[in-house]
């Protein structure tokens, strides 16, 4: 075992007092809140709000894109479904109490439609 003590003087931050004082002042200035302008909490909320709006817009776009490719809802080959508004079609069936047996109402309204 070595009997000589280890010299830790190179690790002493106070050996250069001017440098140590500048380092302390830099830390203190960074810890202070800004003198003018909005508080940091408000900056955080604004940034979070912008992110939330961007995510909501992307989700809305993703939900809307599949409907762009559809010309009509339901089976395009069916004469009962081609080129008609699904709400108007189902409303007319309900008013006349005449729902065709070969039509699926969920598909007529556009639900569960995979393209």
PDB file of N, CA and C in Angstrom:
ATOM      1  N   UNK A   1       0.832  -1.163   0.000  1.00  0.00           N
ATOM      2  CA  UNK A   1       0.000   0.000   0.000  1.00  0.00           C
ATOM      3  C   UNK A   1       0.886   1.238   0.000  1.00  0.00           C
ATOM      4  N   UNK A   2       0.433   2.274  -0.681  1.00  0.00           N
ATOM      5  CA  UNK A   2       1.218   3.497  -0.816  1.00  0.00           C
ATOM      6  C   UNK A   2       0.961   4.408   0.379  1.00  0.00           C
ATOM      7  N   UNK A   3       2.001   4.887   1.011  1.00  0.00           N
ATOM      8  CA  UNK A   3       1.902   5.732   2.209  1.00  0.00           C
ATOM      9  C   UNK A   3       1.759   7.213   1.854  1.00  0.00           C
ATOM     10  N   UNK A   4       2.029   7.594   0.603  1.00  0.00           N
ATOM     11  CA  UNK A   4       1.930   8.998   0.204  1.00  0.00           C
ATOM     12  C   UNK A   4       0.453   9.381   0.088  1.00  0.00           C
ATOM     13  N   UNK A   5       0.082  10.545   0.628  1.00  0.00           N
ATOM     14  CA  UNK A   5      -1.309  10.978   0.504  1.00  0.00           C
ATOM     15  C   UNK A   5      -1.600  11.422  -0.942  1.00  0.00           C
ATOM     16  N   UNK A   6      -2.856  11.277  -1.342  1.00  0.00           N
ATOM     17  CA  UNK A   6      -3.288  11.676  -2.686  1.00  0.00           C
ATOM     18  C   UNK A   6      -3.500  13.185  -2.699  1.00  0.00           C
ATOM     19  N   UNK A   7      -2.987  13.835  -3.719  1.00  0.00           N
ATOM     20  CA  UNK A   7      -3.113  15.288  -3.852  1.00  0.00           C
ATOM     21  C   UNK A   7      -4.395  15.615  -4.623  1.00  0.00           C
ATOM     22  N   UNK A   8      -5.405  16.141  -3.936  1.00  0.00           N
ATOM     23  CA  UNK A   8      -6.682  16.513  -4.546  1.00  0.00           C
ATOM     24  C   UNK A   8      -6.766  18.007  -4.827  1.00  0.00           C
ATOM     25  N   UNK A   9      -5.691  18.717  -4.773  1.00  0.00           N
ATOM     26  CA  UNK A   9      -5.725  20.175  -4.961  1.00  0.00           C
ATOM     27  C   UNK A   9      -6.178  20.566  -6.365  1.00  0.00           C
ATOM     28  N   UNK A  10      -5.960  19.740  -7.347  1.00  0.00           N
ATOM     29  CA  UNK A  10      -6.393  20.064  -8.711  1.00  0.00           C
ATOM     30  C   UNK A  10      -7.914  20.074  -8.826  1.00  0.00           C
ATOM     31  N   UNK A  11      -8.600  19.408  -7.911  1.00  0.00           N
ATOM     32  CA  UNK A  11     -10.060  19.348  -7.940  1.00  0.00           C
ATOM     33  C   UNK A  11     -10.717  20.459  -7.131  1.00  0.00           C
ATOM     34  N   UNK A  12      -9.940  21.264  -6.443  1.00  0.00           N
ATOM     35  CA  UNK A  12     -10.479  22.324  -5.607  1.00  0.00           C
ATOM     36  C   UNK A  12     -10.991  23.469  -6.472  1.00  0.00           C
ATOM     37  N   UNK A  13     -12.315  23.737  -6.468  1.00  0.00           N
ATOM     38  CA  UNK A  13     -12.835  24.808  -7.322  1.00  0.00           C
ATOM     39  C   UNK A  13     -12.448  26.201  -6.825  1.00  0.00           C
ATOM     40  N   UNK A  14     -12.081  26.340  -5.563  1.00  0.00           N
ATOM     41  CA  UNK A  14     -11.748  27.654  -5.003  1.00  0.00           C
ATOM     42  C   UNK A  14     -10.285  28.029  -5.188  1.00  0.00           C
ATOM     43  N   UNK A  15      -9.470  27.210  -5.824  1.00  0.00           N
ATOM     44  CA  UNK A  15      -8.051  27.555  -5.980  1.00  0.00           C
ATOM     45  C   UNK A  15      -7.902  28.766  -6.897  1.00  0.00           C
ATOM     46  N   UNK A  16      -8.814  28.938  -7.884  1.00  0.00           N
ATOM     47  CA  UNK A  16      -8.840  30.146  -8.706  1.00  0.00           C
ATOM     48  C   UNK A  16     -10.102  30.901  -8.296  1.00  0.00           C
ATOM     49  N   UNK A  17      -9.951  31.861  -7.391  1.00  0.00           N
ATOM     50  CA  UNK A  17     -11.116  32.516  -6.781  1.00  0.00           C
ATOM     51  C   UNK A  17     -11.930  33.321  -7.799  1.00  0.00           C
ATOM     52  N   UNK A  18     -11.288  33.952  -8.778  1.00  0.00           N
ATOM     53  CA  UNK A  18     -12.025  34.734  -9.782  1.00  0.00           C
ATOM     54  C   UNK A  18     -12.898  33.812 -10.634  1.00  0.00           C
ATOM     55  N   UNK A  19     -12.331  32.700 -11.051  1.00  0.00           N
ATOM     56  CA  UNK A  19     -13.080  31.726 -11.861  1.00  0.00           C
ATOM     57  C   UNK A  19     -14.236  31.146 -11.048  1.00  0.00           C
ATOM     58  N   UNK A  20     -13.995  30.843  -9.779  1.00  0.00           N
ATOM     59  CA  UNK A  20     -15.030  30.304  -8.912  1.00  0.00           C
ATOM     60  C   UNK A  20     -16.172  31.307  -8.748  1.00  0.00           C
ATOM     61  N   UNK A  21     -15.843  32.588  -8.602  1.00  0.00           N
ATOM     62  CA  UNK A  21     -16.860  33.619  -8.432  1.00  0.00           C
ATOM     63  C   UNK A  21     -17.695  33.778  -9.707  1.00  0.00           C
ATOM     64  N   UNK A  22     -17.068  33.728 -10.872  1.00  0.00           N
ATOM     65  CA  UNK A  22     -17.802  33.791 -12.142  1.00  0.00           C
ATOM     66  C   UNK A  22     -18.747  32.592 -12.275  1.00  0.00           C
ATOM     67  N   UNK A  23     -18.285  31.430 -11.876  1.00  0.00           N
ATOM     68  CA  UNK A  23     -19.094  30.223 -11.954  1.00  0.00           C
ATOM     69  C   UNK A  23     -20.324  30.346 -11.045  1.00  0.00           C
ATOM     70  N   UNK A  24     -20.132  30.874  -9.836  1.00  0.00           N
ATOM     71  CA  UNK A  24     -21.249  31.050  -8.908  1.00  0.00           C
ATOM     72  C   UNK A  24     -22.243  32.064  -9.471  1.00  0.00           C
ATOM     73  N   UNK A  25     -21.748  33.172 -10.010  1.00  0.00           N
ATOM     74  CA  UNK A  25     -22.632  34.199 -10.576  1.00  0.00           C
ATOM     75  C   UNK A  25     -23.433  33.651 -11.766  1.00  0.00           C
ATOM     76  N   UNK A  26     -22.812  32.825 -12.573  1.00  0.00           N
ATOM     77  CA  UNK A  26     -23.513  32.224 -13.712  1.00  0.00           C
ATOM     78  C   UNK A  26     -24.659  31.332 -13.233  1.00  0.00           C
ATOM     79  N   UNK A  27     -24.408  30.557 -12.207  1.00  0.00           N
ATOM     80  CA  UNK A  27     -25.455  29.679 -11.663  1.00  0.00           C
ATOM     81  C   UNK A  27     -26.584  30.500 -11.048  1.00  0.00           C
ATOM     82  N   UNK A  28     -26.219  31.558 -10.309  1.00  0.00           N
ATOM     83  CA  UNK A  28     -27.233  32.400  -9.670  1.00  0.00           C
ATOM     84  C   UNK A  28     -28.082  33.100 -10.728  1.00  0.00           C
ATOM     85  N   UNK A  29     -27.469  33.621 -11.785  1.00  0.00           N
ATOM     86  CA  UNK A  29     -28.216  34.296 -12.849  1.00  0.00           C
ATOM     87  C   UNK A  29     -29.148  33.317 -13.573  1.00  0.00           C
ATOM     88  N   UNK A  30     -28.728  32.097 -13.736  1.00  0.00           N
ATOM     89  CA  UNK A  30     -29.570  31.098 -14.386  1.00  0.00           C
ATOM     90  C   UNK A  30     -30.744  30.672 -13.529  1.00  0.00           C
ATOM     91  N   UNK A  31     -30.614  30.792 -12.216  1.00  0.00           N
ATOM     92  CA  UNK A  31     -31.678  30.379 -11.305  1.00  0.00           C
ATOM     93  C   UNK A  31     -32.723  31.474 -11.105  1.00  0.00           C
ATOM     94  N   UNK A  32     -32.398  32.697 -11.412  1.00  0.00           N
ATOM     95  CA  UNK A  32     -33.341  33.804 -11.230  1.00  0.00           C
ATOM     96  C   UNK A  32     -34.396  33.772 -12.326  1.00  0.00           C
ATOM     97  N   UNK A  33     -35.646  34.140 -11.980  1.00  0.00           N
ATOM     98  CA  UNK A  33     -36.678  34.242 -13.013  1.00  0.00           C
ATOM     99  C   UNK A  33     -36.404  35.466 -13.887  1.00  0.00           C
ATOM    100  N   UNK A  34     -36.880  35.453 -15.127  1.00  0.00           N
ATOM    101  CA  UNK A  34     -36.663  36.621 -15.982  1.00  0.00           C
ATOM    102  C   UNK A  34     -37.343  37.853 -15.392  1.00  0.00           C
ATOM    103  N   UNK A  35     -36.690  38.983 -15.529  1.00  0.00           N
ATOM    104  CA  UNK A  35     -37.200  40.225 -14.930  1.00  0.00           C
ATOM    105  C   UNK A  35     -38.461  40.708 -15.631  1.00  0.00           C
ATOM    106  N   UNK A  36     -38.520  40.607 -16.945  1.00  0.00           N
ATOM    107  CA  UNK A  36     -39.671  41.094 -17.695  1.00  0.00           C
ATOM    108  C   UNK A  36     -40.205  39.966 -18.570  1.00  0.00           C
ATOM    109  N   UNK A  37     -41.435  40.148 -19.006  1.00  0.00           N
ATOM    110  CA  UNK A  37     -42.017  39.152 -19.900  1.00  0.00           C
ATOM    111  C   UNK A  37     -42.922  38.192 -19.148  1.00  0.00           C
ATOM    112  N   UNK A  38     -43.233  37.112 -19.806  1.00  0.00           N
ATOM    113  CA  UNK A  38     -44.135  36.122 -19.242  1.00  0.00           C
ATOM    114  C   UNK A  38     -43.399  35.187 -18.292  1.00  0.00           C
ATOM    115  N   UNK A  39     -44.081  34.706 -17.261  1.00  0.00           N
ATOM    116  CA  UNK A  39     -43.443  33.759 -16.353  1.00  0.00           C
ATOM    117  C   UNK A  39     -43.166  32.422 -17.059  1.00  0.00           C
ATOM    118  N   UNK A  40     -42.164  31.680 -16.602  1.00  0.00           N
ATOM    119  CA  UNK A  40     -41.801  30.427 -17.260  1.00  0.00           C
ATOM    120  C   UNK A  40     -42.939  29.407 -17.292  1.00  0.00           C
ATOM    121  N   UNK A  41     -43.800  29.410 -16.277  1.00  0.00           N
ATOM    122  CA  UNK A  41     -44.922  28.479 -16.268  1.00  0.00           C
ATOM    123  C   UNK A  41     -45.846  28.744 -17.444  1.00  0.00           C
ATOM    124  N   UNK A  42     -46.058  30.021 -17.735  1.00  0.00           N
ATOM    125  CA  UNK A  42     -46.915  30.368 -18.855  1.00  0.00           C
ATOM    126  C   UNK A  42     -46.291  29.929 -20.179  1.00  0.00           C
ATOM    127  N   UNK A  43     -44.974  30.076 -20.304  1.00  0.00           N
ATOM    128  CA  UNK A  43     -44.292  29.584 -21.502  1.00  0.00           C
ATOM    129  C   UNK A  43     -44.507  28.079 -21.663  1.00  0.00           C
ATOM    130  N   UNK A  44     -44.414  27.354 -20.566  1.00  0.00           N
ATOM    131  CA  UNK A  44     -44.627  25.911 -20.602  1.00  0.00           C
ATOM    132  C   UNK A  44     -46.043  25.554 -21.027  1.00  0.00           C
ATOM    133  N   UNK A  45     -47.031  26.276 -20.495  1.00  0.00           N
ATOM    134  CA  UNK A  45     -48.418  26.013 -20.866  1.00  0.00           C
ATOM    135  C   UNK A  45     -48.681  26.333 -22.328  1.00  0.00           C
ATOM    136  N   UNK A  46     -48.092  27.418 -22.814  1.00  0.00           N
ATOM    137  CA  UNK A  46     -48.273  27.777 -24.224  1.00  0.00           C
ATOM    138  C   UNK A  46     -47.653  26.717 -25.124  1.00  0.00           C
ATOM    139  N   UNK A  47     -46.470  26.262 -24.781  1.00  0.00           N
ATOM    140  CA  UNK A  47     -45.819  25.217 -25.580  1.00  0.00           C
ATOM    141  C   UNK A  47     -46.626  23.930 -25.547  1.00  0.00           C
ATOM    142  N   UNK A  48     -47.153  23.570 -24.390  1.00  0.00           N
ATOM    143  CA  UNK A  48     -47.963  22.362 -24.272  1.00  0.00           C
ATOM    144  C   UNK A  48     -49.252  22.506 -25.089  1.00  0.00           C
ATOM    145  N   UNK A  49     -49.863  23.682 -25.042  1.00  0.00           N
ATOM    146  CA  UNK A  49     -51.099  23.928 -25.795  1.00  0.00           C
ATOM    147  C   UNK A  49     -50.879  23.832 -27.288  1.00  0.00           C
ATOM    148  N   UNK A  50     -49.762  24.362 -27.763  1.00  0.00           N
ATOM    149  CA  UNK A  50     -49.456  24.261 -29.196  1.00  0.00           C
ATOM    150  C   UNK A  50     -49.285  22.807 -29.603  1.00  0.00           C
ATOM    151  N   UNK A  51     -48.621  22.044 -28.768  1.00  0.00           N
ATOM    152  CA  UNK A  51     -48.432  20.620 -29.070  1.00  0.00           C
ATOM    153  C   UNK A  51     -49.767  19.902 -29.082  1.00  0.00           C
ATOM    154  N   UNK A  52     -50.638  20.210 -28.148  1.00  0.00           N
ATOM    155  CA  UNK A  52     -51.946  19.557 -28.081  1.00  0.00           C
ATOM    156  C   UNK A  52     -52.788  19.885 -29.307  1.00  0.00           C
ATOM    157  N   UNK A  53     -52.749  21.133 -29.750  1.00  0.00           N
ATOM    158  CA  UNK A  53     -53.507  21.528 -30.941  1.00  0.00           C
ATOM    159  C   UNK A  53     -52.950  20.824 -32.182  1.00  0.00           C
ATOM    160  N   UNK A  54     -51.640  20.716 -32.280  1.00  0.00           N
ATOM    161  CA  UNK A  54     -51.041  20.028 -33.424  1.00  0.00           C
ATOM    162  C   UNK A  54     -51.427  18.552 -33.447  1.00  0.00           C
ATOM    163  N   UNK A  55     -51.419  17.897 -32.302  1.00  0.00           N
ATOM    164  CA  UNK A  55     -51.807  16.483 -32.230  1.00  0.00           C
ATOM    165  C   UNK A  55     -53.276  16.325 -32.582  1.00  0.00           C
ATOM    166  N   UNK A  56     -54.134  17.210 -32.085  1.00  0.00           N
ATOM    167  CA  UNK A  56     -55.564  17.145 -32.391  1.00  0.00           C
ATOM    168  C   UNK A  56     -55.809  17.336 -33.886  1.00  0.00           C
ATOM    169  N   UNK A  57     -55.082  18.258 -34.511  1.00  0.00           N
ATOM    170  CA  UNK A  57     -55.237  18.474 -35.941  1.00  0.00           C
ATOM    171  C   UNK A  57     -54.800  17.247 -36.741  1.00  0.00           C
ATOM    172  N   UNK A  58     -53.705  16.625 -36.329  1.00  0.00           N
ATOM    173  CA  UNK A  58     -53.253  15.419 -37.026  1.00  0.00           C
ATOM    174  C   UNK A  58     -54.239  14.270 -36.862  1.00  0.00           C
ATOM    175  N   UNK A  59     -54.805  14.112 -35.678  1.00  0.00           N
ATOM    176  CA  UNK A  59     -55.800  13.063 -35.471  1.00  0.00           C
ATOM    177  C   UNK A  59     -57.062  13.315 -36.295  1.00  0.00           C
ATOM    178  N   UNK A  60     -57.493  14.564 -36.371  1.00  0.00           N
ATOM    179  CA  UNK A  60     -58.660  14.898 -37.179  1.00  0.00           C
ATOM    180  C   UNK A  60     -58.386  14.622 -38.653  1.00  0.00           C
ATOM    181  N   UNK A  61     -57.203  14.967 -39.110  1.00  0.00           N
ATOM    182  CA  UNK A  61     -56.842  14.703 -40.501  1.00  0.00           C
ATOM    183  C   UNK A  61     -56.788  13.208 -40.778  1.00  0.00           C
ATOM    184  N   UNK A  62     -56.214  12.455 -39.841  1.00  0.00           N
ATOM    185  CA  UNK A  62     -56.138  11.004 -40.018  1.00  0.00           C
ATOM    186  C   UNK A  62     -57.528  10.370 -40.037  1.00  0.00           C
ATOM    187  N   UNK A  63     -58.455  10.900 -39.266  1.00  0.00           N
ATOM    188  CA  UNK A  63     -59.812  10.368 -39.256  1.00  0.00           C
ATOM    189  C   UNK A  63     -60.576  10.772 -40.514  1.00  0.00           C
ATOM    190  N   UNK A  64     -60.235  11.896 -41.106  1.00  0.00           N
ATOM    191  CA  UNK A  64     -60.959  12.417 -42.255  1.00  0.00           C
ATOM    192  C   UNK A  64     -60.451  11.845 -43.572  1.00  0.00           C
ATOM    193  N   UNK A  65     -59.163  11.499 -43.649  1.00  0.00           N
ATOM    194  CA  UNK A  65     -58.579  11.042 -44.904  1.00  0.00           C
ATOM    195  C   UNK A  65     -59.265   9.826 -45.531  1.00  0.00           C
ATOM    196  N   UNK A  66     -59.640   8.803 -44.777  1.00  0.00           N
ATOM    197  CA  UNK A  66     -60.287   7.659 -45.432  1.00  0.00           C
ATOM    198  C   UNK A  66     -61.585   8.014 -46.141  1.00  0.00           C
ATOM    199  N   UNK A  67     -62.300   9.017 -45.667  1.00  0.00           N
ATOM    200  CA  UNK A  67     -63.568   9.379 -46.306  1.00  0.00           C
ATOM    201  C   UNK A  67     -63.362  10.134 -47.619  1.00  0.00           C
ATOM    202  N   UNK A  68     -62.166  10.626 -47.880  1.00  0.00           N
ATOM    203  CA  UNK A  68     -61.922  11.328 -49.141  1.00  0.00           C
ATOM    204  C   UNK A  68     -61.988  10.388 -50.338  1.00  0.00           C
ATOM    205  N   UNK A  69     -61.591   9.131 -50.127  1.00  0.00           N
ATOM    206  CA  UNK A  69     -61.569   8.179 -51.222  1.00  0.00           C
ATOM    207  C   UNK A  69     -62.918   7.597 -51.572  1.00  0.00           C
ATOM    208  N   UNK A  70     -63.882   7.743 -50.697  1.00  0.00           N
ATOM    209  CA  UNK A  70     -65.205   7.162 -50.936  1.00  0.00           C
ATOM    210  C   UNK A  70     -66.069   8.111 -51.743  1.00  0.00           C
ATOM    211  N   UNK A  71     -66.737   7.573 -52.739  1.00  0.00           N
ATOM    212  CA  UNK A  71     -67.697   8.385 -53.491  1.00  0.00           C
ATOM    213  C   UNK A  71     -69.085   8.248 -52.888  1.00  0.00           C
ATOM    214  N   UNK A  72     -69.437   7.041 -52.507  1.00  0.00           N
ATOM    215  CA  UNK A  72     -70.727   6.811 -51.864  1.00  0.00           C
ATOM    216  C   UNK A  72     -70.528   5.791 -50.769  1.00  0.00           C
ATOM    217  N   UNK A  73     -71.407   5.820 -49.810  1.00  0.00           N
ATOM    218  CA  UNK A  73     -71.311   4.894 -48.699  1.00  0.00           C
ATOM    219  C   UNK A  73     -72.013   3.592 -49.050  1.00  0.00           C
ATOM    220  N   UNK A  74     -71.578   2.525 -48.447  1.00  0.00           N
ATOM    221  CA  UNK A  74     -72.221   1.236 -48.674  1.00  0.00           C
ATOM    222  C   UNK A  74     -71.681   0.561 -49.912  1.00  0.00           C
ATOM    223  N   UNK A  75     -72.478  -0.316 -50.476  1.00  0.00           N
ATOM    224  CA  UNK A  75     -72.086  -1.074 -51.658  1.00  0.00           C
ATOM    225  C   UNK A  75     -72.323  -0.227 -52.900  1.00  0.00           C
ATOM    226  N   UNK A  76     -71.266   0.080 -53.624  1.00  0.00           N
ATOM    227  CA  UNK A  76     -71.388   0.950 -54.807  1.00  0.00           C
ATOM    228  C   UNK A  76     -72.169   0.282 -55.923  1.00  0.00           C
ATOM    229  N   UNK A  77     -72.241  -1.038 -55.950  1.00  0.00           N
ATOM    230  CA  UNK A  77     -72.956  -1.761 -57.006  1.00  0.00           C
ATOM    231  C   UNK A  77     -74.453  -1.824 -56.746  1.00  0.00           C
ATOM    232  N   UNK A  78     -74.885  -1.533 -55.551  1.00  0.00           N
ATOM    233  CA  UNK A  78     -76.292  -1.615 -55.203  1.00  0.00           C
ATOM    234  C   UNK A  78     -77.030  -0.400 -55.742  1.00  0.00           C
ATOM    235  N   UNK A  79     -78.134  -0.595 -56.454  1.00  0.00           N
ATOM    236  CA  UNK A  79     -78.892   0.557 -56.967  1.00  0.00           C
ATOM    237  C   UNK A  79     -79.545   1.353 -55.838  1.00  0.00           C
ATOM    238  N   UNK A  80     -79.735   0.721 -54.694  1.00  0.00           N
ATOM    239  CA  UNK A  80     -80.333   1.429 -53.569  1.00  0.00           C
ATOM    240  C   UNK A  80     -79.351   2.359 -52.882  1.00  0.00           C
ATOM    241  N   UNK A  81     -78.051   2.112 -53.046  1.00  0.00           N
ATOM    242  CA  UNK A  81     -77.045   2.867 -52.308  1.00  0.00           C
ATOM    243  C   UNK A  81     -76.238   3.824 -53.178  1.00  0.00           C
ATOM    244  N   UNK A  82     -76.195   3.635 -54.462  1.00  0.00           N
ATOM    245  CA  UNK A  82     -75.274   4.389 -55.315  1.00  0.00           C
ATOM    246  C   UNK A  82     -75.683   5.852 -55.406  1.00  0.00           C
ATOM    247  N   UNK A  83     -74.749   6.745 -55.034  1.00  0.00           N
ATOM    248  CA  UNK A  83     -74.924   8.177 -55.246  1.00  0.00           C
ATOM    249  C   UNK A  83     -75.952   8.849 -54.356  1.00  0.00           C
ATOM    250  N   UNK A  84     -76.334   8.250 -53.257  1.00  0.00           N
ATOM    251  CA  UNK A  84     -77.337   8.875 -52.400  1.00  0.00           C
ATOM    252  C   UNK A  84     -76.717   9.264 -51.069  1.00  0.00           C
ATOM    253  N   UNK A  85     -77.347  10.221 -50.431  1.00  0.00           N
ATOM    254  CA  UNK A  85     -76.921  10.633 -49.097  1.00  0.00           C
ATOM    255  C   UNK A  85     -77.437   9.587 -48.109  1.00  0.00           C
ATOM    256  N   UNK A  86     -76.567   9.003 -47.291  1.00  0.00           N
ATOM    257  CA  UNK A  86     -77.014   7.912 -46.415  1.00  0.00           C
ATOM    258  C   UNK A  86     -78.061   8.349 -45.397  1.00  0.00           C
ATOM    259  N   UNK A  87     -77.957   9.560 -44.883  1.00  0.00           N
ATOM    260  CA  UNK A  87     -78.935  10.028 -43.900  1.00  0.00           C
ATOM    261  C   UNK A  87     -80.297  10.192 -44.566  1.00  0.00           C
ATOM    262  N   UNK A  88     -80.292  10.775 -45.745  1.00  0.00           N
ATOM    263  CA  UNK A  88     -81.544  10.967 -46.475  1.00  0.00           C
ATOM    264  C   UNK A  88     -82.170   9.622 -46.842  1.00  0.00           C
ATOM    265  N   UNK A  89     -81.346   8.680 -47.262  1.00  0.00           N
ATOM    266  CA  UNK A  89     -81.831   7.364 -47.656  1.00  0.00           C
ATOM    267  C   UNK A  89     -82.472   6.631 -46.477  1.00  0.00           C
ATOM    268  N   UNK A  90     -81.767   6.582 -45.337  1.00  0.00           N
ATOM    269  CA  UNK A  90     -82.296   5.874 -44.163  1.00  0.00           C
ATOM    270  C   UNK A  90     -83.519   6.619 -43.612  1.00  0.00           C
ATOM    271  N   UNK A  91     -83.533   7.951 -43.679  1.00  0.00           N
ATOM    272  CA  UNK A  91     -84.692   8.718 -43.223  1.00  0.00           C
ATOM    273  C   UNK A  91     -85.921   8.407 -44.070  1.00  0.00           C
ATOM    274  N   UNK A  92     -85.710   8.302 -45.368  1.00  0.00           N
ATOM    275  CA  UNK A  92     -86.862   7.972 -46.236  1.00  0.00           C
ATOM    276  C   UNK A  92     -87.363   6.563 -45.954  1.00  0.00           C
ATOM    277  N   UNK A  93     -86.461   5.626 -45.677  1.00  0.00           N
ATOM    278  CA  UNK A  93     -86.884   4.274 -45.308  1.00  0.00           C
ATOM    279  C   UNK A  93     -87.677   4.294 -44.009  1.00  0.00           C
ATOM    280  N   UNK A  94     -87.224   5.100 -43.036  1.00  0.00           N
ATOM    281  CA  UNK A  94     -87.905   5.166 -41.747  1.00  0.00           C
ATOM    282  C   UNK A  94     -89.275   5.811 -41.869  1.00  0.00           C
ATOM    283  N   UNK A  95     -89.404   6.840 -42.704  1.00  0.00           N
ATOM    284  CA  UNK A  95     -90.690   7.526 -42.863  1.00  0.00           C
ATOM    285  C   UNK A  95     -91.709   6.646 -43.578  1.00  0.00           C
ATOM    286  N   UNK A  96     -91.268   5.841 -44.516  1.00  0.00           N
ATOM    287  CA  UNK A  96     -92.194   4.972 -45.253  1.00  0.00           C
ATOM    288  C   UNK A  96     -92.292   3.590 -44.622  1.00  0.00           C
ATOM    289  N   UNK A  97     -91.483   3.326 -43.583  1.00  0.00           N
ATOM    290  CA  UNK A  97     -91.438   2.022 -42.924  1.00  0.00           C
ATOM    291  C   UNK A  97     -91.162   0.919 -43.950  1.00  0.00           C
ATOM    292  N   UNK A  98     -90.227   1.204 -44.849  1.00  0.00           N
ATOM    293  CA  UNK A  98     -89.909   0.270 -45.928  1.00  0.00           C
ATOM    294  C   UNK A  98     -88.388   0.131 -46.042  1.00  0.00           C
ATOM    295  N   UNK A  99     -87.790  -0.704 -45.181  1.00  0.00           N
ATOM    296  CA  UNK A  99     -86.355  -0.945 -45.210  1.00  0.00           C
ATOM    297  C   UNK A  99     -86.120  -2.201 -46.043  1.00  0.00           C
ATOM    298  N   UNK A 100     -85.342  -2.111 -47.126  1.00  0.00           N
ATOM    299  CA  UNK A 100     -85.070  -3.302 -47.937  1.00  0.00           C
ATOM    300  C   UNK A 100     -84.369  -4.375 -47.100  1.00  0.00           C
ATOM    301  N   UNK A 101     -84.763  -5.633 -47.244  1.00  0.00           N
ATOM    302  CA  UNK A 101     -84.189  -6.683 -46.410  1.00  0.00           C
ATOM    303  C   UNK A 101     -82.714  -6.973 -46.703  1.00  0.00           C
ATOM    304  N   UNK A 102     -82.244  -6.675 -47.906  1.00  0.00           N
ATOM    305  CA  UNK A 102     -80.856  -6.995 -48.255  1.00  0.00           C
ATOM    306  C   UNK A 102     -79.864  -5.909 -47.842  1.00  0.00           C
ATOM    307  N   UNK A 103     -80.320  -4.854 -47.188  1.00  0.00           N
ATOM    308  CA  UNK A 103     -79.450  -3.736 -46.809  1.00  0.00           C
ATOM    309  C   UNK A 103     -79.095  -3.826 -45.332  1.00  0.00           C
ATOM    310  N   UNK A 104     -77.818  -3.641 -45.037  1.00  0.00           N
ATOM    311  CA  UNK A 104     -77.339  -3.568 -43.656  1.00  0.00           C
ATOM    312  C   UNK A 104     -77.347  -2.089 -43.257  1.00  0.00           C
ATOM    313  N   UNK A 105     -78.091  -1.733 -42.222  1.00  0.00           N
ATOM    314  CA  UNK A 105     -78.219  -0.326 -41.827  1.00  0.00           C
ATOM    315  C   UNK A 105     -76.902   0.284 -41.372  1.00  0.00           C
ATOM    316  N   UNK A 106     -76.063  -0.508 -40.717  1.00  0.00           N
ATOM    317  CA  UNK A 106     -74.772   0.023 -40.275  1.00  0.00           C
ATOM    318  C   UNK A 106     -73.916   0.374 -41.484  1.00  0.00           C
ATOM    319  N   UNK A 107     -73.947  -0.487 -42.491  1.00  0.00           N
ATOM    320  CA  UNK A 107     -73.178  -0.222 -43.704  1.00  0.00           C
ATOM    321  C   UNK A 107     -73.795   0.942 -44.478  1.00  0.00           C
ATOM    322  N   UNK A 108     -75.112   1.061 -44.461  1.00  0.00           N
ATOM    323  CA  UNK A 108     -75.782   2.160 -45.166  1.00  0.00           C
ATOM    324  C   UNK A 108     -75.419   3.508 -44.571  1.00  0.00           C
ATOM    325  N   UNK A 109     -75.196   3.561 -43.255  1.00  0.00           N
ATOM    326  CA  UNK A 109     -74.824   4.812 -42.604  1.00  0.00           C
ATOM    327  C   UNK A 109     -73.307   5.074 -42.685  1.00  0.00           C
ATOM    328  N   UNK A 110     -72.543   4.122 -43.214  1.00  0.00           N
ATOM    329  CA  UNK A 110     -71.124   4.342 -43.383  1.00  0.00           C
ATOM    330  C   UNK A 110     -70.281   3.748 -42.274  1.00  0.00           C
ATOM    331  N   UNK A 111     -70.865   3.122 -41.285  1.00  0.00           N
ATOM    332  CA  UNK A 111     -70.111   2.518 -40.202  1.00  0.00           C
ATOM    333  C   UNK A 111     -69.511   1.199 -40.634  1.00  0.00           C
ATOM    334  N   UNK A 112     -68.387   0.870 -40.074  1.00  0.00           N
ATOM    335  CA  UNK A 112     -67.688  -0.391 -40.355  1.00  0.00           C
ATOM    336  C   UNK A 112     -67.358  -0.547 -41.832  1.00  0.00           C
ATOM    337  N   UNK A 113     -67.242   0.560 -42.525  1.00  0.00           N
ATOM    338  CA  UNK A 113     -66.943   0.509 -43.947  1.00  0.00           C
ATOM    339  C   UNK A 113     -65.439   0.483 -44.131  1.00  0.00           C
ATOM    340  N   UNK A 114     -64.932  -0.604 -44.675  1.00  0.00           N
ATOM    341  CA  UNK A 114     -63.481  -0.736 -44.913  1.00  0.00           C
ATOM    342  C   UNK A 114     -63.232  -0.626 -46.400  1.00  0.00           C
ATOM    343  N   UNK A 115     -62.373   0.298 -46.755  1.00  0.00           N
ATOM    344  CA  UNK A 115     -62.075   0.510 -48.171  1.00  0.00           C
ATOM    345  C   UNK A 115     -60.659   0.100 -48.456  1.00  0.00           C
TER     346      UNK A 115
END
